[in-house]
Amino acid sequence: MGPGGAQGGGQASPWGTFIMLGAIFAIFYFLMIRPQQKRQKQHREMLANLKKGDTVITGGGLIGKVTAITDSVLTLEVADRVRVKVLRSSVSNVSSQPLLGETANRKTDKKKGKEEEGENPE
């Protein structure tokens, strides 16, 4: 027994500390860093595969159809004959499906065509 009746505790080995730090770093890497790298890779591939006619959503919420593509700039048609240039990097989502307004216009165009032919549109 030491002075005062208490036993002295053993010192932790420096290897144990390094192993714990390594384990914490590994957990942090696989839970935080690796998933972010995968998302970045998917985003780069998505931007590389953009083509005319794709419907995109920008980081600011602008929705439009791609009409022209250069190295770093896209031209989007956001309304009939309204075109906006945006940076390629600002695109957050891509869909090959047409915009909601375009599908509604196509349906009304088909109905008009059937009415002109004398058919019932329904």
PDB file of N, CA and C in Angstrom:
ATOM      1  N   MET A   1       0.825  -1.175   0.000  1.00  0.00           N
ATOM      2  CA  MET A   1       0.000   0.000   0.000  1.00  0.00           C
ATOM      3  C   MET A   1       0.871   1.240   0.000  1.00  0.00           C
ATOM      4  N   GLY A   2       0.392   2.238  -0.639  1.00  0.00           N
ATOM      5  CA  GLY A   2       1.130   3.482  -0.672  1.00  0.00           C
ATOM      6  C   GLY A   2       0.734   4.387   0.481  1.00  0.00           C
ATOM      7  N   PRO A   3       1.288   5.550   0.507  1.00  0.00           N
ATOM      8  CA  PRO A   3       0.938   6.485   1.572  1.00  0.00           C
ATOM      9  C   PRO A   3      -0.542   6.836   1.509  1.00  0.00           C
ATOM     10  N   GLY A   4      -1.176   6.925   2.615  1.00  0.00           N
ATOM     11  CA  GLY A   4      -2.596   7.240   2.694  1.00  0.00           C
ATOM     12  C   GLY A   4      -3.470   6.035   2.470  1.00  0.00           C
ATOM     13  N   GLY A   5      -2.943   4.859   2.280  1.00  0.00           N
ATOM     14  CA  GLY A   5      -3.723   3.644   2.169  1.00  0.00           C
ATOM     15  C   GLY A   5      -4.282   3.369   0.788  1.00  0.00           C
ATOM     16  N   ALA A   6      -3.973   4.164  -0.260  1.00  0.00           N
ATOM     17  CA  ALA A   6      -4.518   3.930  -1.595  1.00  0.00           C
ATOM     18  C   ALA A   6      -3.444   3.313  -2.479  1.00  0.00           C
ATOM     19  N   GLN A   7      -3.877   2.409  -3.342  1.00  0.00           N
ATOM     20  CA  GLN A   7      -2.924   1.802  -4.263  1.00  0.00           C
ATOM     21  C   GLN A   7      -2.801   2.681  -5.500  1.00  0.00           C
ATOM     22  N   GLY A   8      -1.652   2.774  -6.071  1.00  0.00           N
ATOM     23  CA  GLY A   8      -1.448   3.549  -7.288  1.00  0.00           C
ATOM     24  C   GLY A   8      -1.942   2.763  -8.501  1.00  0.00           C
ATOM     25  N   GLY A   9      -2.651   3.437  -9.425  1.00  0.00           N
ATOM     26  CA  GLY A   9      -3.144   2.778 -10.634  1.00  0.00           C
ATOM     27  C   GLY A   9      -2.031   2.616 -11.638  1.00  0.00           C
ATOM     28  N   GLY A  10      -2.175   1.627 -12.505  1.00  0.00           N
ATOM     29  CA  GLY A  10      -1.176   1.404 -13.538  1.00  0.00           C
ATOM     30  C   GLY A  10      -1.321   2.443 -14.645  1.00  0.00           C
ATOM     31  N   GLN A  11      -0.236   2.787 -15.301  1.00  0.00           N
ATOM     32  CA  GLN A  11      -0.282   3.734 -16.402  1.00  0.00           C
ATOM     33  C   GLN A  11      -0.778   3.021 -17.656  1.00  0.00           C
ATOM     34  N   ALA A  12      -1.567   3.756 -18.468  1.00  0.00           N
ATOM     35  CA  ALA A  12      -2.030   3.208 -19.738  1.00  0.00           C
ATOM     36  C   ALA A  12      -0.855   3.190 -20.707  1.00  0.00           C
ATOM     37  N   SER A  13      -0.769   2.137 -21.500  1.00  0.00           N
ATOM     38  CA  SER A  13       0.346   2.051 -22.440  1.00  0.00           C
ATOM     39  C   SER A  13       0.110   3.029 -23.592  1.00  0.00           C
ATOM     40  N   PRO A  14       1.159   3.601 -24.145  1.00  0.00           N
ATOM     41  CA  PRO A  14       0.986   4.525 -25.269  1.00  0.00           C
ATOM     42  C   PRO A  14       0.412   3.820 -26.503  1.00  0.00           C
ATOM     43  N   TRP A  15       0.652   2.530 -26.644  1.00  0.00           N
ATOM     44  CA  TRP A  15       0.105   1.793 -27.790  1.00  0.00           C
ATOM     45  C   TRP A  15      -1.414   1.716 -27.715  1.00  0.00           C
ATOM     46  N   GLY A  16      -1.942   1.568 -26.536  1.00  0.00           N
ATOM     47  CA  GLY A  16      -3.398   1.533 -26.370  1.00  0.00           C
ATOM     48  C   GLY A  16      -4.043   2.844 -26.805  1.00  0.00           C
ATOM     49  N   THR A  17      -3.390   3.941 -26.492  1.00  0.00           N
ATOM     50  CA  THR A  17      -3.893   5.259 -26.890  1.00  0.00           C
ATOM     51  C   THR A  17      -3.872   5.400 -28.409  1.00  0.00           C
ATOM     52  N   PHE A  18      -2.784   4.981 -29.041  1.00  0.00           N
ATOM     53  CA  PHE A  18      -2.691   5.070 -30.499  1.00  0.00           C
ATOM     54  C   PHE A  18      -3.725   4.173 -31.178  1.00  0.00           C
ATOM     55  N   ILE A  19      -3.950   3.010 -30.623  1.00  0.00           N
ATOM     56  CA  ILE A  19      -4.943   2.094 -31.196  1.00  0.00           C
ATOM     57  C   ILE A  19      -6.336   2.704 -31.097  1.00  0.00           C
ATOM     58  N   MET A  20      -6.658   3.319 -29.970  1.00  0.00           N
ATOM     59  CA  MET A  20      -7.970   3.955 -29.808  1.00  0.00           C
ATOM     60  C   MET A  20      -8.131   5.131 -30.774  1.00  0.00           C
ATOM     61  N   LEU A  21      -7.098   5.947 -30.930  1.00  0.00           N
ATOM     62  CA  LEU A  21      -7.158   7.052 -31.892  1.00  0.00           C
ATOM     63  C   LEU A  21      -7.350   6.529 -33.315  1.00  0.00           C
ATOM     64  N   GLY A  22      -6.640   5.474 -33.658  1.00  0.00           N
ATOM     65  CA  GLY A  22      -6.787   4.868 -34.984  1.00  0.00           C
ATOM     66  C   GLY A  22      -8.191   4.329 -35.200  1.00  0.00           C
ATOM     67  N   ALA A  23      -8.765   3.698 -34.183  1.00  0.00           N
ATOM     68  CA  ALA A  23     -10.124   3.166 -34.294  1.00  0.00           C
ATOM     69  C   ALA A  23     -11.136   4.295 -34.464  1.00  0.00           C
ATOM     70  N   ILE A  24     -10.967   5.377 -33.727  1.00  0.00           N
ATOM     71  CA  ILE A  24     -11.877   6.523 -33.854  1.00  0.00           C
ATOM     72  C   ILE A  24     -11.761   7.134 -35.246  1.00  0.00           C
ATOM     73  N   PHE A  25     -10.547   7.274 -35.756  1.00  0.00           N
ATOM     74  CA  PHE A  25     -10.357   7.815 -37.102  1.00  0.00           C
ATOM     75  C   PHE A  25     -11.003   6.910 -38.147  1.00  0.00           C
ATOM     76  N   ALA A  26     -10.845   5.590 -38.015  1.00  0.00           N
ATOM     77  CA  ALA A  26     -11.441   4.654 -38.974  1.00  0.00           C
ATOM     78  C   ALA A  26     -12.964   4.758 -38.963  1.00  0.00           C
ATOM     79  N   ILE A  27     -13.546   4.842 -37.793  1.00  0.00           N
ATOM     80  CA  ILE A  27     -15.003   4.983 -37.697  1.00  0.00           C
ATOM     81  C   ILE A  27     -15.445   6.290 -38.338  1.00  0.00           C
ATOM     82  N   PHE A  28     -14.754   7.362 -38.043  1.00  0.00           N
ATOM     83  CA  PHE A  28     -15.072   8.664 -38.623  1.00  0.00           C
ATOM     84  C   PHE A  28     -14.969   8.614 -40.143  1.00  0.00           C
ATOM     85  N   TYR A  29     -13.933   7.969 -40.666  1.00  0.00           N
ATOM     86  CA  TYR A  29     -13.735   7.877 -42.110  1.00  0.00           C
ATOM     87  C   TYR A  29     -14.894   7.147 -42.776  1.00  0.00           C
ATOM     88  N   PHE A  30     -15.264   5.983 -42.241  1.00  0.00           N
ATOM     89  CA  PHE A  30     -16.294   5.180 -42.895  1.00  0.00           C
ATOM     90  C   PHE A  30     -17.703   5.728 -42.689  1.00  0.00           C
ATOM     91  N   LEU A  31     -17.924   6.515 -41.650  1.00  0.00           N
ATOM     92  CA  LEU A  31     -19.255   7.069 -41.419  1.00  0.00           C
ATOM     93  C   LEU A  31     -19.443   8.456 -42.024  1.00  0.00           C
ATOM     94  N   MET A  32     -18.371   9.212 -42.206  1.00  0.00           N
ATOM     95  CA  MET A  32     -18.506  10.593 -42.665  1.00  0.00           C
ATOM     96  C   MET A  32     -17.834  10.859 -44.013  1.00  0.00           C
ATOM     97  N   ILE A  33     -16.589  10.517 -44.137  1.00  0.00           N
ATOM     98  CA  ILE A  33     -15.812  10.921 -45.309  1.00  0.00           C
ATOM     99  C   ILE A  33     -16.154  10.081 -46.535  1.00  0.00           C
ATOM    100  N   ARG A  34     -16.189   8.780 -46.403  1.00  0.00           N
ATOM    101  CA  ARG A  34     -16.421   7.890 -47.544  1.00  0.00           C
ATOM    102  C   ARG A  34     -17.785   8.118 -48.212  1.00  0.00           C
ATOM    103  N   PRO A  35     -18.881   8.226 -47.467  1.00  0.00           N
ATOM    104  CA  PRO A  35     -20.166   8.500 -48.126  1.00  0.00           C
ATOM    105  C   PRO A  35     -20.171   9.832 -48.879  1.00  0.00           C
ATOM    106  N   GLN A  36     -19.504  10.847 -48.344  1.00  0.00           N
ATOM    107  CA  GLN A  36     -19.435  12.136 -49.028  1.00  0.00           C
ATOM    108  C   GLN A  36     -18.658  12.009 -50.338  1.00  0.00           C
ATOM    109  N   GLN A  37     -17.587  11.231 -50.350  1.00  0.00           N
ATOM    110  CA  GLN A  37     -16.827  11.020 -51.576  1.00  0.00           C
ATOM    111  C   GLN A  37     -17.676  10.314 -52.626  1.00  0.00           C
ATOM    112  N   LYS A  38     -18.493   9.356 -52.212  1.00  0.00           N
ATOM    113  CA  LYS A  38     -19.370   8.654 -53.154  1.00  0.00           C
ATOM    114  C   LYS A  38     -20.390   9.616 -53.759  1.00  0.00           C
ATOM    115  N   ARG A  39     -20.976  10.493 -52.926  1.00  0.00           N
ATOM    116  CA  ARG A  39     -21.947  11.467 -53.430  1.00  0.00           C
ATOM    117  C   ARG A  39     -21.291  12.425 -54.413  1.00  0.00           C
ATOM    118  N   GLN A  40     -20.067  12.866 -54.129  1.00  0.00           N
ATOM    119  CA  GLN A  40     -19.359  13.762 -55.039  1.00  0.00           C
ATOM    120  C   GLN A  40     -19.075  13.080 -56.374  1.00  0.00           C
ATOM    121  N   LYS A  41     -18.705  11.817 -56.340  1.00  0.00           N
ATOM    122  CA  LYS A  41     -18.428  11.071 -57.569  1.00  0.00           C
ATOM    123  C   LYS A  41     -19.703  10.936 -58.401  1.00  0.00           C
ATOM    124  N   GLN A  42     -20.829  10.621 -57.763  1.00  0.00           N
ATOM    125  CA  GLN A  42     -22.099  10.510 -58.477  1.00  0.00           C
ATOM    126  C   GLN A  42     -22.488  11.850 -59.093  1.00  0.00           C
ATOM    127  N   HIS A  43     -22.260  12.947 -58.379  1.00  0.00           N
ATOM    128  CA  HIS A  43     -22.602  14.273 -58.893  1.00  0.00           C
ATOM    129  C   HIS A  43     -21.736  14.624 -60.102  1.00  0.00           C
ATOM    130  N   ARG A  44     -20.430  14.314 -60.042  1.00  0.00           N
ATOM    131  CA  ARG A  44     -19.549  14.561 -61.194  1.00  0.00           C
ATOM    132  C   ARG A  44     -19.997  13.751 -62.405  1.00  0.00           C
ATOM    133  N   GLU A  45     -20.378  12.484 -62.196  1.00  0.00           N
ATOM    134  CA  GLU A  45     -20.847  11.649 -63.302  1.00  0.00           C
ATOM    135  C   GLU A  45     -22.146  12.200 -63.877  1.00  0.00           C
ATOM    136  N   MET A  46     -23.045  12.658 -63.014  1.00  0.00           N
ATOM    137  CA  MET A  46     -24.309  13.228 -63.460  1.00  0.00           C
ATOM    138  C   MET A  46     -24.050  14.452 -64.335  1.00  0.00           C
ATOM    139  N   LEU A  47     -23.137  15.322 -63.921  1.00  0.00           N
ATOM    140  CA  LEU A  47     -22.832  16.513 -64.704  1.00  0.00           C
ATOM    141  C   LEU A  47     -22.156  16.155 -66.021  1.00  0.00           C
ATOM    142  N   ALA A  48     -21.338  15.122 -66.024  1.00  0.00           N
ATOM    143  CA  ALA A  48     -20.654  14.707 -67.252  1.00  0.00           C
ATOM    144  C   ALA A  48     -21.630  14.107 -68.258  1.00  0.00           C
ATOM    145  N   ASN A  49     -22.730  13.536 -67.787  1.00  0.00           N
ATOM    146  CA  ASN A  49     -23.688  12.867 -68.665  1.00  0.00           C
ATOM    147  C   ASN A  49     -24.858  13.755 -69.075  1.00  0.00           C
ATOM    148  N   LEU A  50     -24.783  15.056 -68.811  1.00  0.00           N
ATOM    149  CA  LEU A  50     -25.857  15.960 -69.225  1.00  0.00           C
ATOM    150  C   LEU A  50     -25.944  16.002 -70.745  1.00  0.00           C
ATOM    151  N   LYS A  51     -27.173  16.105 -71.243  1.00  0.00           N
ATOM    152  CA  LYS A  51     -27.375  16.211 -72.686  1.00  0.00           C
ATOM    153  C   LYS A  51     -28.555  17.127 -72.961  1.00  0.00           C
ATOM    154  N   LYS A  52     -28.664  17.570 -74.197  1.00  0.00           N
ATOM    155  CA  LYS A  52     -29.775  18.434 -74.577  1.00  0.00           C
ATOM    156  C   LYS A  52     -31.091  17.700 -74.343  1.00  0.00           C
ATOM    157  N   GLY A  53     -32.066  18.433 -73.851  1.00  0.00           N
ATOM    158  CA  GLY A  53     -33.380  17.857 -73.605  1.00  0.00           C
ATOM    159  C   GLY A  53     -33.587  17.393 -72.176  1.00  0.00           C
ATOM    160  N   ASP A  54     -32.509  17.277 -71.400  1.00  0.00           N
ATOM    161  CA  ASP A  54     -32.652  16.890 -69.992  1.00  0.00           C
ATOM    162  C   ASP A  54     -33.301  18.025 -69.211  1.00  0.00           C
ATOM    163  N   THR A  55     -34.131  17.665 -68.271  1.00  0.00           N
ATOM    164  CA  THR A  55     -34.711  18.637 -67.354  1.00  0.00           C
ATOM    165  C   THR A  55     -33.848  18.661 -66.107  1.00  0.00           C
ATOM    166  N   VAL A  56     -33.405  19.855 -65.716  1.00  0.00           N
ATOM    167  CA  VAL A  56     -32.499  19.972 -64.577  1.00  0.00           C
ATOM    168  C   VAL A  56     -33.077  20.924 -63.536  1.00  0.00           C
ATOM    169  N   ILE A  57     -32.619  20.747 -62.306  1.00  0.00           N
ATOM    170  CA  ILE A  57     -32.952  21.642 -61.208  1.00  0.00           C
ATOM    171  C   ILE A  57     -31.632  22.181 -60.678  1.00  0.00           C
ATOM    172  N   THR A  58     -31.529  23.498 -60.587  1.00  0.00           N
ATOM    173  CA  THR A  58     -30.299  24.105 -60.082  1.00  0.00           C
ATOM    174  C   THR A  58     -30.336  24.188 -58.565  1.00  0.00           C
ATOM    175  N   GLY A  59     -29.211  24.536 -57.987  1.00  0.00           N
ATOM    176  CA  GLY A  59     -29.121  24.691 -56.542  1.00  0.00           C
ATOM    177  C   GLY A  59     -30.025  25.794 -56.025  1.00  0.00           C
ATOM    178  N   GLY A  60     -30.346  26.771 -56.851  1.00  0.00           N
ATOM    179  CA  GLY A  60     -31.231  27.866 -56.465  1.00  0.00           C
ATOM    180  C   GLY A  60     -32.697  27.557 -56.679  1.00  0.00           C
ATOM    181  N   GLY A  61     -33.007  26.365 -57.202  1.00  0.00           N
ATOM    182  CA  GLY A  61     -34.396  25.971 -57.398  1.00  0.00           C
ATOM    183  C   GLY A  61     -34.943  26.252 -58.786  1.00  0.00           C
ATOM    184  N   LEU A  62     -34.122  26.706 -59.699  1.00  0.00           N
ATOM    185  CA  LEU A  62     -34.548  26.985 -61.059  1.00  0.00           C
ATOM    186  C   LEU A  62     -34.697  25.672 -61.818  1.00  0.00           C
ATOM    187  N   ILE A  63     -35.844  25.482 -62.480  1.00  0.00           N
ATOM    188  CA  ILE A  63     -36.103  24.257 -63.234  1.00  0.00           C
ATOM    189  C   ILE A  63     -36.176  24.622 -64.708  1.00  0.00           C
ATOM    190  N   GLY A  64     -35.448  23.886 -65.537  1.00  0.00           N
ATOM    191  CA  GLY A  64     -35.474  24.171 -66.955  1.00  0.00           C
ATOM    192  C   GLY A  64     -34.968  23.011 -67.781  1.00  0.00           C
ATOM    193  N   LYS A  65     -35.159  23.147 -69.090  1.00  0.00           N
ATOM    194  CA  LYS A  65     -34.724  22.125 -70.040  1.00  0.00           C
ATOM    195  C   LYS A  65     -33.425  22.588 -70.688  1.00  0.00           C
ATOM    196  N   VAL A  66     -32.448  21.700 -70.761  1.00  0.00           N
ATOM    197  CA  VAL A  66     -31.142  22.032 -71.334  1.00  0.00           C
ATOM    198  C   VAL A  66     -31.295  22.195 -72.844  1.00  0.00           C
ATOM    199  N   THR A  67     -30.871  23.371 -73.354  1.00  0.00           N
ATOM    200  CA  THR A  67     -30.930  23.610 -74.790  1.00  0.00           C
ATOM    201  C   THR A  67     -29.550  23.719 -75.416  1.00  0.00           C
ATOM    202  N   ALA A  68     -28.532  24.059 -74.613  1.00  0.00           N
ATOM    203  CA  ALA A  68     -27.160  24.148 -75.122  1.00  0.00           C
ATOM    204  C   ALA A  68     -26.194  23.843 -73.986  1.00  0.00           C
ATOM    205  N   ILE A  69     -25.063  23.228 -74.352  1.00  0.00           N
ATOM    206  CA  ILE A  69     -24.066  22.846 -73.352  1.00  0.00           C
ATOM    207  C   ILE A  69     -22.686  23.274 -73.840  1.00  0.00           C
ATOM    208  N   THR A  70     -21.940  23.953 -72.958  1.00  0.00           N
ATOM    209  CA  THR A  70     -20.523  24.220 -73.205  1.00  0.00           C
ATOM    210  C   THR A  70     -19.747  23.584 -72.057  1.00  0.00           C
ATOM    211  N   ASP A  71     -18.455  23.872 -71.987  1.00  0.00           N
ATOM    212  CA  ASP A  71     -17.630  23.251 -70.950  1.00  0.00           C
ATOM    213  C   ASP A  71     -18.158  23.506 -69.548  1.00  0.00           C
ATOM    214  N   SER A  72     -18.453  24.762 -69.228  1.00  0.00           N
ATOM    215  CA  SER A  72     -18.851  25.076 -67.854  1.00  0.00           C
ATOM    216  C   SER A  72     -20.205  25.765 -67.747  1.00  0.00           C
ATOM    217  N   VAL A  73     -20.869  26.022 -68.879  1.00  0.00           N
ATOM    218  CA  VAL A  73     -22.134  26.758 -68.859  1.00  0.00           C
ATOM    219  C   VAL A  73     -23.213  25.966 -69.588  1.00  0.00           C
ATOM    220  N   LEU A  74     -24.408  25.951 -68.987  1.00  0.00           N
ATOM    221  CA  LEU A  74     -25.583  25.351 -69.617  1.00  0.00           C
ATOM    222  C   LEU A  74     -26.565  26.459 -69.961  1.00  0.00           C
ATOM    223  N   THR A  75     -27.282  26.300 -71.059  1.00  0.00           N
ATOM    224  CA  THR A  75     -28.378  27.200 -71.366  1.00  0.00           C
ATOM    225  C   THR A  75     -29.663  26.436 -71.107  1.00  0.00           C
ATOM    226  N   LEU A  76     -30.487  26.986 -70.211  1.00  0.00           N
ATOM    227  CA  LEU A  76     -31.742  26.345 -69.838  1.00  0.00           C
ATOM    228  C   LEU A  76     -32.906  27.143 -70.388  1.00  0.00           C
ATOM    229  N   GLU A  77     -33.905  26.442 -70.892  1.00  0.00           N
ATOM    230  CA  GLU A  77     -35.151  27.083 -71.287  1.00  0.00           C
ATOM    231  C   GLU A  77     -36.111  26.907 -70.118  1.00  0.00           C
ATOM    232  N   VAL A  78     -36.434  28.024 -69.452  1.00  0.00           N
ATOM    233  CA  VAL A  78     -37.267  27.959 -68.255  1.00  0.00           C
ATOM    234  C   VAL A  78     -38.731  28.247 -68.560  1.00  0.00           C
ATOM    235  N   ALA A  79     -39.003  28.857 -69.692  1.00  0.00           N
ATOM    236  CA  ALA A  79     -40.364  29.106 -70.163  1.00  0.00           C
ATOM    237  C   ALA A  79     -40.278  29.184 -71.683  1.00  0.00           C
ATOM    238  N   ASP A  80     -41.409  29.373 -72.324  1.00  0.00           N
ATOM    239  CA  ASP A  80     -41.419  29.444 -73.775  1.00  0.00           C
ATOM    240  C   ASP A  80     -40.567  30.626 -74.231  1.00  0.00           C
ATOM    241  N   ARG A  81     -39.497  30.357 -74.952  1.00  0.00           N
ATOM    242  CA  ARG A  81     -38.557  31.341 -75.489  1.00  0.00           C
ATOM    243  C   ARG A  81     -37.876  32.181 -74.413  1.00  0.00           C
ATOM    244  N   VAL A  82     -37.749  31.649 -73.198  1.00  0.00           N
ATOM    245  CA  VAL A  82     -37.006  32.311 -72.121  1.00  0.00           C
ATOM    246  C   VAL A  82     -35.842  31.405 -71.761  1.00  0.00           C
ATOM    247  N   ARG A  83     -34.640  31.874 -72.054  1.00  0.00           N
ATOM    248  CA  ARG A  83     -33.450  31.053 -71.813  1.00  0.00           C
ATOM    249  C   ARG A  83     -32.535  31.734 -70.810  1.00  0.00           C
ATOM    250  N   VAL A  84     -31.933  30.916 -69.965  1.00  0.00           N
ATOM    251  CA  VAL A  84     -31.057  31.394 -68.904  1.00  0.00           C
ATOM    252  C   VAL A  84     -29.770  30.585 -68.957  1.00  0.00           C
ATOM    253  N   LYS A  85     -28.646  31.270 -68.774  1.00  0.00           N
ATOM    254  CA  LYS A  85     -27.362  30.567 -68.701  1.00  0.00           C
ATOM    255  C   LYS A  85     -27.012  30.353 -67.236  1.00  0.00           C
ATOM    256  N   VAL A  86     -26.620  29.120 -66.901  1.00  0.00           N
ATOM    257  CA  VAL A  86     -26.221  28.780 -65.531  1.00  0.00           C
ATOM    258  C   VAL A  86     -24.923  27.990 -65.586  1.00  0.00           C
ATOM    259  N   LEU A  87     -24.196  28.024 -64.494  1.00  0.00           N
ATOM    260  CA  LEU A  87     -22.981  27.220 -64.404  1.00  0.00           C
ATOM    261  C   LEU A  87     -23.350  25.747 -64.291  1.00  0.00           C
ATOM    262  N   ARG A  88     -22.582  24.922 -64.935  1.00  0.00           N
ATOM    263  CA  ARG A  88     -22.817  23.478 -64.879  1.00  0.00           C
ATOM    264  C   ARG A  88     -22.755  22.972 -63.437  1.00  0.00           C
ATOM    265  N   SER A  89     -21.867  23.551 -62.642  1.00  0.00           N
ATOM    266  CA  SER A  89     -21.699  23.105 -61.259  1.00  0.00           C
ATOM    267  C   SER A  89     -22.893  23.440 -60.375  1.00  0.00           C
ATOM    268  N   SER A  90     -23.778  24.337 -60.822  1.00  0.00           N
ATOM    269  CA  SER A  90     -24.937  24.694 -60.000  1.00  0.00           C
ATOM    270  C   SER A  90     -26.093  23.710 -60.150  1.00  0.00           C
ATOM    271  N   VAL A  91     -25.982  22.757 -61.067  1.00  0.00           N
ATOM    272  CA  VAL A  91     -27.043  21.763 -61.261  1.00  0.00           C
ATOM    273  C   VAL A  91     -27.025  20.781 -60.097  1.00  0.00           C
ATOM    274  N   SER A  92     -28.193  20.603 -59.481  1.00  0.00           N
ATOM    275  CA  SER A  92     -28.260  19.689 -58.340  1.00  0.00           C
ATOM    276  C   SER A  92     -29.000  18.401 -58.660  1.00  0.00           C
ATOM    277  N   ASN A  93     -29.852  18.403 -59.688  1.00  0.00           N
ATOM    278  CA  ASN A  93     -30.629  17.209 -60.012  1.00  0.00           C
ATOM    279  C   ASN A  93     -30.919  17.190 -61.507  1.00  0.00           C
ATOM    280  N   VAL A  94     -30.949  16.007 -62.095  1.00  0.00           N
ATOM    281  CA  VAL A  94     -31.217  15.848 -63.523  1.00  0.00           C
ATOM    282  C   VAL A  94     -32.329  14.833 -63.705  1.00  0.00           C
ATOM    283  N   SER A  95     -33.238  15.149 -64.629  1.00  0.00           N
ATOM    284  CA  SER A  95     -34.311  14.219 -64.962  1.00  0.00           C
ATOM    285  C   SER A  95     -34.516  14.273 -66.460  1.00  0.00           C
ATOM    286  N   SER A  96     -34.649  13.128 -67.101  1.00  0.00           N
ATOM    287  CA  SER A  96     -34.899  13.105 -68.540  1.00  0.00           C
ATOM    288  C   SER A  96     -36.378  13.268 -68.848  1.00  0.00           C
ATOM    289  N   GLN A  97     -37.209  13.317 -67.812  1.00  0.00           N
ATOM    290  CA  GLN A  97     -38.643  13.486 -68.006  1.00  0.00           C
ATOM    291  C   GLN A  97     -38.945  14.950 -68.298  1.00  0.00           C
ATOM    292  N   PRO A  98     -39.971  15.228 -69.118  1.00  0.00           N
ATOM    293  CA  PRO A  98     -40.307  16.618 -69.430  1.00  0.00           C
ATOM    294  C   PRO A  98     -40.904  17.330 -68.222  1.00  0.00           C
ATOM    295  N   LEU A  99     -40.921  18.651 -68.295  1.00  0.00           N
ATOM    296  CA  LEU A  99     -41.506  19.456 -67.228  1.00  0.00           C
ATOM    297  C   LEU A  99     -43.009  19.243 -67.156  1.00  0.00           C
ATOM    298  N   LEU A 100     -43.602  19.544 -66.009  1.00  0.00           N
ATOM    299  CA  LEU A 100     -45.039  19.367 -65.828  1.00  0.00           C
ATOM    300  C   LEU A 100     -45.834  20.200 -66.818  1.00  0.00           C
ATOM    301  N   GLY A 101     -45.451  21.429 -67.040  1.00  0.00           N
ATOM    302  CA  GLY A 101     -46.154  22.294 -67.979  1.00  0.00           C
ATOM    303  C   GLY A 101     -46.082  21.766 -69.404  1.00  0.00           C
ATOM    304  N   GLU A 102     -44.964  21.170 -69.768  1.00  0.00           N
ATOM    305  CA  GLU A 102     -44.814  20.626 -71.114  1.00  0.00           C
ATOM    306  C   GLU A 102     -45.726  19.433 -71.330  1.00  0.00           C
ATOM    307  N   THR A 103     -45.880  18.575 -70.330  1.00  0.00           N
ATOM    308  CA  THR A 103     -46.764  17.421 -70.494  1.00  0.00           C
ATOM    309  C   THR A 103     -48.202  17.878 -70.603  1.00  0.00           C
ATOM    310  N   ALA A 104     -48.580  18.908 -69.859  1.00  0.00           N
ATOM    311  CA  ALA A 104     -49.942  19.427 -69.948  1.00  0.00           C
ATOM    312  C   ALA A 104     -50.181  20.033 -71.324  1.00  0.00           C
ATOM    313  N   ASN A 105     -49.196  20.763 -71.858  1.00  0.00           N
ATOM    314  CA  ASN A 105     -49.334  21.353 -73.187  1.00  0.00           C
ATOM    315  C   ASN A 105     -49.448  20.271 -74.252  1.00  0.00           C
ATOM    316  N   ARG A 106     -48.695  19.198 -74.133  1.00  0.00           N
ATOM    317  CA  ARG A 106     -48.754  18.120 -75.122  1.00  0.00           C
ATOM    318  C   ARG A 106     -50.109  17.439 -75.104  1.00  0.00           C
ATOM    319  N   LYS A 107     -50.681  17.252 -73.903  1.00  0.00           N
ATOM    320  CA  LYS A 107     -51.997  16.622 -73.810  1.00  0.00           C
ATOM    321  C   LYS A 107     -53.060  17.499 -74.448  1.00  0.00           C
ATOM    322  N   THR A 108     -53.006  18.828 -74.214  1.00  0.00           N
ATOM    323  CA  THR A 108     -53.998  19.713 -74.817  1.00  0.00           C
ATOM    324  C   THR A 108     -53.788  19.790 -76.323  1.00  0.00           C
ATOM    325  N   ASP A 109     -52.546  19.727 -76.788  1.00  0.00           N
ATOM    326  CA  ASP A 109     -52.281  19.718 -78.223  1.00  0.00           C
ATOM    327  C   ASP A 109     -52.867  18.469 -78.868  1.00  0.00           C
ATOM    328  N   LYS A 110     -52.756  17.313 -78.213  1.00  0.00           N
ATOM    329  CA  LYS A 110     -53.316  16.077 -78.745  1.00  0.00           C
ATOM    330  C   LYS A 110     -54.832  16.159 -78.804  1.00  0.00           C
ATOM    331  N   LYS A 111     -55.446  16.745 -77.759  1.00  0.00           N
ATOM    332  CA  LYS A 111     -56.902  16.889 -77.745  1.00  0.00           C
ATOM    333  C   LYS A 111     -57.351  17.807 -78.868  1.00  0.00           C
ATOM    334  N   LYS A 112     -56.631  18.903 -79.086  1.00  0.00           N
ATOM    335  CA  LYS A 112     -56.978  19.828 -80.156  1.00  0.00           C
ATOM    336  C   LYS A 112     -56.874  19.135 -81.505  1.00  0.00           C
ATOM    337  N   GLY A 113     -55.843  18.327 -81.675  1.00  0.00           N
ATOM    338  CA  GLY A 113     -55.661  17.605 -82.931  1.00  0.00           C
ATOM    339  C   GLY A 113     -56.795  16.627 -83.188  1.00  0.00           C
ATOM    340  N   LYS A 114     -57.264  15.940 -82.153  1.00  0.00           N
ATOM    341  CA  LYS A 114     -58.368  14.998 -82.305  1.00  0.00           C
ATOM    342  C   LYS A 114     -59.671  15.726 -82.581  1.00  0.00           C
ATOM    343  N   GLU A 115     -59.878  16.898 -81.955  1.00  0.00           N
ATOM    344  CA  GLU A 115     -61.096  17.662 -82.188  1.00  0.00           C
ATOM    345  C   GLU A 115     -61.142  18.151 -83.626  1.00  0.00           C
ATOM    346  N   GLU A 116     -59.994  18.550 -84.163  1.00  0.00           N
ATOM    347  CA  GLU A 116     -59.937  19.022 -85.541  1.00  0.00           C
ATOM    348  C   GLU A 116     -60.236  17.900 -86.519  1.00  0.00           C
ATOM    349  N   GLU A 117     -59.882  16.672 -86.160  1.00  0.00           N
ATOM    350  CA  GLU A 117     -60.142  15.530 -87.020  1.00  0.00           C
ATOM    351  C   GLU A 117     -61.571  15.035 -86.873  1.00  0.00           C
ATOM    352  N   GLY A 118     -62.321  15.589 -85.934  1.00  0.00           N
ATOM    353  CA  GLY A 118     -63.699  15.180 -85.736  1.00  0.00           C
ATOM    354  C   GLY A 118     -63.860  14.047 -84.746  1.00  0.00           C
ATOM    355  N   GLU A 119     -62.807  13.674 -84.053  1.00  0.00           N
ATOM    356  CA  GLU A 119     -62.883  12.600 -83.074  1.00  0.00           C
ATOM    357  C   GLU A 119     -63.203  13.176 -81.707  1.00  0.00           C
ATOM    358  N   ASN A 120     -63.702  12.330 -80.837  1.00  0.00           N
ATOM    359  CA  ASN A 120     -63.967  12.725 -79.461  1.00  0.00           C
ATOM    360  C   ASN A 120     -62.659  12.653 -78.686  1.00  0.00           C
ATOM    361  N   PRO A 121     -62.234  13.739 -78.014  1.00  0.00           N
ATOM    362  CA  PRO A 121     -60.945  13.726 -77.331  1.00  0.00           C
ATOM    363  C   PRO A 121     -60.917  12.854 -76.087  1.00  0.00           C
ATOM    364  N   GLU A 122     -62.037  12.383 -75.613  1.00  0.00           N
ATOM    365  CA  GLU A 122     -62.054  11.597 -74.378  1.00  0.00           C
ATOM    366  C   GLU A 122     -62.147  10.151 -74.612  1.00  0.00           C
TER     367      GLU A 122
END
